[in-house]
Amino acid sequence: MIEVGQNAYGKSAIRLVKVVRGESPHRVRDLTIAIALEGDFAASYRDGDNSAVIATDTMKNTAYALAGEYLTGAIEDFGIVLGRHFLAAGDEVDRVRVTIAEHAWRPIGDARDAFTRDGSETRTAVVVVGRDGTAIRAGLDGLSVMKTTRSAFSGFPRDRFTTLTETEDRIMATKVTVSWAYDLAVEVDFERSYGAVRATFLEVMADHHSVSVQASIWIVGKAVLERHAEVAEIAMSLPNLHHWTVDLRPFGIENDRAVYVSTTEPHGLIEATIRRSDG
């Protein structure tokens, strides 16, 4: 027997910009949204029956139409609005996944109506609204972080292919992708929580001594869970963007950890999820 397996469909890369003019300076909300529906859509694949298929163009238009009234706070709240709307659109829909990236614009000086795009990081949210409940992950992507000291890597196994020198003092640089799941059993202020978790991440990253990127993920993740009861787990992906000390000895120059060559490829990639245990 041949059947349709797991499937989903929706609209991706919906570009939405909203200008809030009642504030000074104005506030620019710049979002990229994806909406995906899961459910009983097998007939649309198997039989060409579109009677239950909400047009993806309708999804795009709905995001625009609801933004005026409902895009007033955190992107997580707007994701919930969109998810609930499409969950109620038909019995065939079992689950709605709304993914939102918010791109930051910062005012230029004291101007109330002029901005520059801040591409240093992107705020993210994934909201899944289903008939069995709601799940929300918040996060950020593309945040570049560097530690110029208090970073080491030693004690690793060596074989005939190992050339890396052990070090107790190196540059640690990474471009962070981090997301965390909320425990919705407690009331969450998404705007406040995002800022607080981000602040904890940066504070602990700056203050700790890193013996490896793996250890840094543990130290930072543990601090987030200890300080923020609404966070159930936190996942991090940290590429190790190497900075190699340039050998200037052929030129008769000593280089005591001052001049480096930075590389982006190849790079190490360290990933882990730190979560609360049942024990």
Protein backbone atom coordinates (compact mmCIF):
# COMPACT_ATOMS: atom_id res chain seq x y z
CA MET A 1 0.00 0.00 0.00
CA ILE A 2 1.23 3.48 -0.84
CA GLU A 3 0.14 6.49 1.22
CA VAL A 4 0.98 10.11 1.90
CA GLY A 5 3.30 10.46 4.88
CA GLN A 6 4.05 13.46 7.05
CA ASN A 7 3.53 16.68 5.17
CA ALA A 8 3.26 20.41 5.64
CA TYR A 9 2.76 23.44 3.46
CA GLY A 10 2.73 27.18 3.91
CA LYS A 11 4.20 30.56 2.99
CA SER A 12 7.83 31.44 3.63
CA ALA A 13 9.82 34.67 3.51
CA ILE A 14 6.86 36.98 4.13
CA ARG A 15 8.43 40.43 4.43
CA LEU A 16 6.50 42.76 6.70
CA VAL A 17 7.49 46.22 7.89
CA LYS A 18 5.36 48.21 10.33
CA VAL A 19 6.13 51.77 11.38
CA VAL A 20 4.86 52.84 14.80
CA ARG A 21 4.50 56.61 14.49
CA GLY A 22 3.01 57.36 17.90
CA GLU A 23 6.44 57.15 19.52
CA SER A 24 9.45 59.43 19.31
CA PRO A 25 11.58 58.22 17.72
CA HIS A 26 9.31 56.15 15.49
CA ARG A 27 9.65 52.41 15.89
CA VAL A 28 10.37 50.21 12.89
CA ARG A 29 9.18 46.59 13.10
CA ASP A 30 10.90 44.63 10.32
CA LEU A 31 9.88 40.97 10.22
CA THR A 32 10.44 37.94 8.04
CA ILE A 33 7.65 35.41 8.68
CA ALA A 34 7.05 31.80 7.68
CA ILE A 35 3.74 30.02 8.27
CA ALA A 36 3.35 26.25 7.90
CA LEU A 37 0.26 24.10 8.38
CA GLU A 38 0.23 20.42 9.30
CA GLY A 39 -2.86 18.23 9.29
CA ASP A 40 -5.13 16.11 7.14
CA PHE A 41 -4.13 17.32 3.69
CA ALA A 42 -3.47 13.93 2.12
CA ALA A 43 -6.31 14.39 -0.38
CA SER A 44 -4.63 17.43 -1.87
CA TYR A 45 -1.57 15.33 -2.72
CA ARG A 46 -3.25 12.04 -3.55
CA ASP A 47 -6.44 13.22 -5.29
CA GLY A 48 -5.69 16.80 -6.30
CA ASP A 49 -8.51 17.93 -4.00
CA ASN A 50 -7.85 21.51 -2.86
CA SER A 51 -11.08 21.96 -0.90
CA ALA A 52 -9.20 22.06 2.45
CA VAL A 53 -6.10 23.89 1.23
CA ILE A 54 -5.82 27.47 2.46
CA ALA A 55 -3.98 29.38 -0.26
CA THR A 56 -0.50 30.41 0.77
CA ASP A 57 -1.26 33.86 -0.66
CA THR A 58 -4.04 34.07 1.93
CA MET A 59 -1.48 33.33 4.64
CA LYS A 60 0.65 36.25 3.43
CA ASN A 61 -2.33 38.61 3.34
CA THR A 62 -3.44 37.50 6.80
CA ALA A 63 -0.06 38.39 8.29
CA TYR A 64 -0.33 41.89 6.81
CA ALA A 65 -3.97 42.32 7.84
CA LEU A 66 -3.41 41.33 11.49
CA ALA A 67 -0.18 43.26 11.94
CA GLY A 68 -1.87 46.62 12.43
CA GLU A 69 -3.89 45.50 15.44
CA TYR A 70 -1.80 42.70 16.88
CA LEU A 71 1.88 43.46 16.17
CA THR A 72 2.17 45.70 19.20
CA GLY A 73 4.57 43.80 21.45
CA ALA A 74 6.79 40.74 21.34
CA ILE A 75 7.06 38.72 18.15
CA GLU A 76 6.09 35.65 20.21
CA ASP A 77 2.70 37.24 20.94
CA PHE A 78 2.14 37.99 17.25
CA GLY A 79 3.11 34.40 16.42
CA ILE A 80 0.46 33.13 18.83
CA VAL A 81 -2.18 35.32 17.14
CA LEU A 82 -1.28 33.98 13.70
CA GLY A 83 -1.11 30.40 14.94
CA ARG A 84 -4.51 30.52 16.60
CA HIS A 85 -6.05 32.17 13.54
CA PHE A 86 -4.99 29.38 11.20
CA LEU A 87 -5.73 26.61 13.70
CA ALA A 88 -9.33 27.83 13.72
CA ALA A 89 -9.46 28.04 9.93
CA GLY A 90 -10.50 24.43 9.40
CA ASP A 91 -10.84 21.03 11.04
CA GLU A 92 -8.12 19.68 8.77
CA VAL A 93 -5.48 21.83 10.46
CA ASP A 94 -3.85 20.06 13.42
CA ARG A 95 -0.81 22.26 13.98
CA VAL A 96 0.44 25.66 12.88
CA ARG A 97 4.12 26.62 12.97
CA VAL A 98 4.92 30.32 12.80
CA THR A 99 8.58 31.31 12.49
CA ILE A 100 9.49 34.97 12.85
CA ALA A 101 12.80 36.79 12.53
CA GLU A 102 12.91 40.44 13.61
CA HIS A 103 15.56 42.66 12.04
CA ALA A 104 16.66 45.60 14.16
CA TRP A 105 16.67 49.24 13.07
CA ARG A 106 18.32 51.80 15.36
CA PRO A 107 17.60 55.56 15.37
CA ILE A 108 20.34 57.77 13.94
CA GLY A 109 21.36 60.12 16.74
CA ASP A 110 18.40 62.15 18.01
CA ALA A 111 16.42 61.86 14.79
CA ARG A 112 12.84 60.65 15.25
CA ASP A 113 12.44 59.41 11.68
CA ALA A 114 15.85 58.21 10.47
CA PHE A 115 17.33 54.77 11.12
CA THR A 116 20.23 52.50 10.36
CA ARG A 117 19.91 48.74 10.02
CA ASP A 118 21.62 46.83 12.83
CA GLY A 119 22.77 43.61 11.20
CA SER A 120 24.77 42.43 14.19
CA GLU A 121 22.04 40.04 15.34
CA THR A 122 18.51 38.90 14.56
CA ARG A 123 15.84 38.10 17.12
CA THR A 124 13.95 34.88 16.38
CA ALA A 125 10.82 33.09 17.55
CA VAL A 126 9.16 29.81 16.62
CA VAL A 127 5.55 29.43 17.78
CA VAL A 128 3.76 26.11 17.33
CA VAL A 129 0.02 26.20 18.02
CA GLY A 130 -1.70 22.81 17.98
CA ARG A 131 -4.86 21.21 19.22
CA ASP A 132 -2.75 19.66 21.97
CA GLY A 133 -1.27 22.96 23.16
CA THR A 134 1.27 25.65 22.33
CA ALA A 135 5.08 25.57 22.33
CA ILE A 136 7.34 28.61 21.97
CA ARG A 137 11.06 28.99 21.33
CA ALA A 138 12.75 32.37 21.41
CA GLY A 139 16.29 33.11 20.38
CA LEU A 140 18.82 35.15 18.48
CA ASP A 141 21.02 34.48 15.50
CA GLY A 142 24.23 35.99 14.14
CA LEU A 143 25.50 37.59 17.37
CA SER A 144 29.30 37.89 17.08
CA VAL A 145 31.18 37.47 20.36
CA MET A 146 34.93 37.57 21.06
CA LYS A 147 37.03 36.95 24.17
CA THR A 148 40.62 38.16 23.79
CA THR A 149 41.85 36.26 26.84
CA ARG A 150 40.58 33.83 29.51
CA SER A 151 40.09 31.19 26.84
CA ALA A 152 42.05 27.95 26.56
CA PHE A 153 42.10 24.53 24.94
CA SER A 154 44.39 21.78 26.17
CA GLY A 155 44.41 18.17 27.35
CA PHE A 156 42.91 16.81 24.12
CA PRO A 157 44.13 13.49 22.65
CA ARG A 158 46.99 13.55 20.17
CA ASP A 159 47.87 11.23 17.31
CA ARG A 160 50.10 11.42 14.24
CA PHE A 161 47.60 13.72 12.49
CA THR A 162 47.37 16.23 15.34
CA THR A 163 49.17 19.52 14.73
CA LEU A 164 47.16 21.85 16.98
CA THR A 165 49.24 23.30 19.82
CA GLU A 166 47.77 23.29 23.31
CA THR A 167 47.16 26.75 24.70
CA GLU A 168 46.06 28.32 27.96
CA ASP A 169 45.48 31.75 26.43
CA ARG A 170 43.84 32.18 23.05
CA ILE A 171 41.21 34.26 21.29
CA MET A 172 37.75 32.76 21.40
CA ALA A 173 35.45 34.10 18.68
CA THR A 174 32.05 32.85 17.58
CA LYS A 175 28.84 33.84 15.84
CA VAL A 176 26.10 32.69 18.16
CA THR A 177 22.87 30.91 17.30
CA VAL A 178 20.90 30.35 20.50
CA SER A 179 17.29 29.46 21.22
CA TRP A 180 15.40 28.61 24.36
CA ALA A 181 12.08 26.92 25.07
CA TYR A 182 9.62 28.54 27.42
CA ASP A 183 7.77 26.69 30.16
CA LEU A 184 4.27 27.95 29.46
CA ALA A 185 3.00 26.56 32.76
CA VAL A 186 4.16 29.90 34.16
CA GLU A 187 3.12 33.30 32.85
CA VAL A 188 5.78 34.73 30.54
CA ASP A 189 6.36 38.35 29.55
CA PHE A 190 8.14 37.56 26.28
CA GLU A 191 9.59 41.04 25.76
CA ARG A 192 11.04 41.25 29.26
CA SER A 193 12.26 37.66 29.24
CA TYR A 194 14.05 38.02 25.90
CA GLY A 195 16.01 41.02 27.12
CA ALA A 196 16.84 39.37 30.44
CA VAL A 197 18.02 36.06 28.91
CA ARG A 198 20.12 37.93 26.34
CA ALA A 199 21.69 40.02 29.09
CA THR A 200 22.52 36.91 31.14
CA PHE A 201 24.06 35.22 28.11
CA LEU A 202 26.36 38.17 27.41
CA GLU A 203 27.26 38.78 31.06
CA VAL A 204 28.27 35.20 31.76
CA MET A 205 30.03 34.81 28.41
CA ALA A 206 32.13 37.86 29.22
CA ASP A 207 32.91 37.00 32.83
CA HIS A 208 33.83 33.31 32.79
CA HIS A 209 37.13 31.56 32.04
CA SER A 210 36.64 29.23 29.09
CA VAL A 211 38.61 25.99 29.01
CA SER A 212 36.73 24.99 25.84
CA VAL A 213 33.71 26.07 23.83
CA GLN A 214 31.92 23.01 25.22
CA ALA A 215 32.53 24.19 28.77
CA SER A 216 31.38 27.69 27.84
CA ILE A 217 28.05 26.34 26.57
CA TRP A 218 27.55 24.52 29.88
CA ILE A 219 28.48 27.52 32.04
CA VAL A 220 26.33 29.99 30.12
CA GLY A 221 23.38 27.63 29.70
CA LYS A 222 23.40 26.65 33.37
CA ALA A 223 23.36 30.32 34.39
CA VAL A 224 20.37 31.03 32.14
CA LEU A 225 18.37 28.16 33.63
CA GLU A 226 19.30 29.14 37.18
CA ARG A 227 18.30 32.77 36.72
CA HIS A 228 15.21 32.44 34.52
CA ALA A 229 12.57 30.04 35.81
CA GLU A 230 10.46 30.46 32.68
CA VAL A 231 13.17 28.85 30.51
CA ALA A 232 12.86 25.07 30.23
CA GLU A 233 15.93 24.48 28.05
CA ILE A 234 18.46 26.41 26.00
CA ALA A 235 20.22 25.25 22.84
CA MET A 236 23.40 26.80 21.47
CA SER A 237 25.33 26.46 18.24
CA LEU A 238 28.76 28.09 18.50
CA PRO A 239 31.13 27.94 15.53
CA ASN A 240 34.73 28.28 16.71
CA LEU A 241 36.03 31.05 14.43
CA HIS A 242 39.75 30.53 14.69
CA HIS A 243 42.31 33.29 15.14
CA TRP A 244 45.81 32.00 14.55
CA THR A 245 48.85 33.85 15.85
CA VAL A 246 50.94 35.07 12.91
CA ASP A 247 54.53 33.81 12.98
CA LEU A 248 56.62 36.95 12.53
CA ARG A 249 59.93 35.34 13.48
CA PRO A 250 61.12 35.15 9.84
CA PHE A 251 61.12 38.96 9.95
CA GLY A 252 62.93 39.12 13.29
CA ILE A 253 59.78 40.30 15.07
CA GLU A 254 58.35 38.81 18.25
CA ASN A 255 54.58 38.40 18.24
CA ASP A 256 53.32 38.02 21.81
CA ARG A 257 49.62 37.41 21.14
CA ALA A 258 49.16 40.71 19.30
CA VAL A 259 48.78 39.98 15.58
CA TYR A 260 46.44 37.25 14.34
CA VAL A 261 44.96 36.01 11.11
CA SER A 262 41.21 35.45 11.41
CA THR A 263 39.50 32.60 9.56
CA THR A 264 35.88 31.67 8.98
CA GLU A 265 36.39 28.36 7.15
CA PRO A 266 36.96 25.69 8.08
CA HIS A 267 35.72 26.15 11.63
CA GLY A 268 34.85 23.97 14.55
CA LEU A 269 31.15 23.68 15.34
CA ILE A 270 30.05 22.95 18.89
CA GLU A 271 26.36 22.43 19.70
CA ALA A 272 24.48 21.37 22.80
CA THR A 273 21.20 21.73 24.65
CA ILE A 274 21.25 22.47 28.39
CA ARG A 275 17.99 21.48 30.06
CA ARG A 276 16.35 20.84 33.37
CA SER A 277 16.28 17.19 34.45
CA ASP A 278 13.48 15.40 36.22
CA GLY A 279 15.78 14.29 39.01
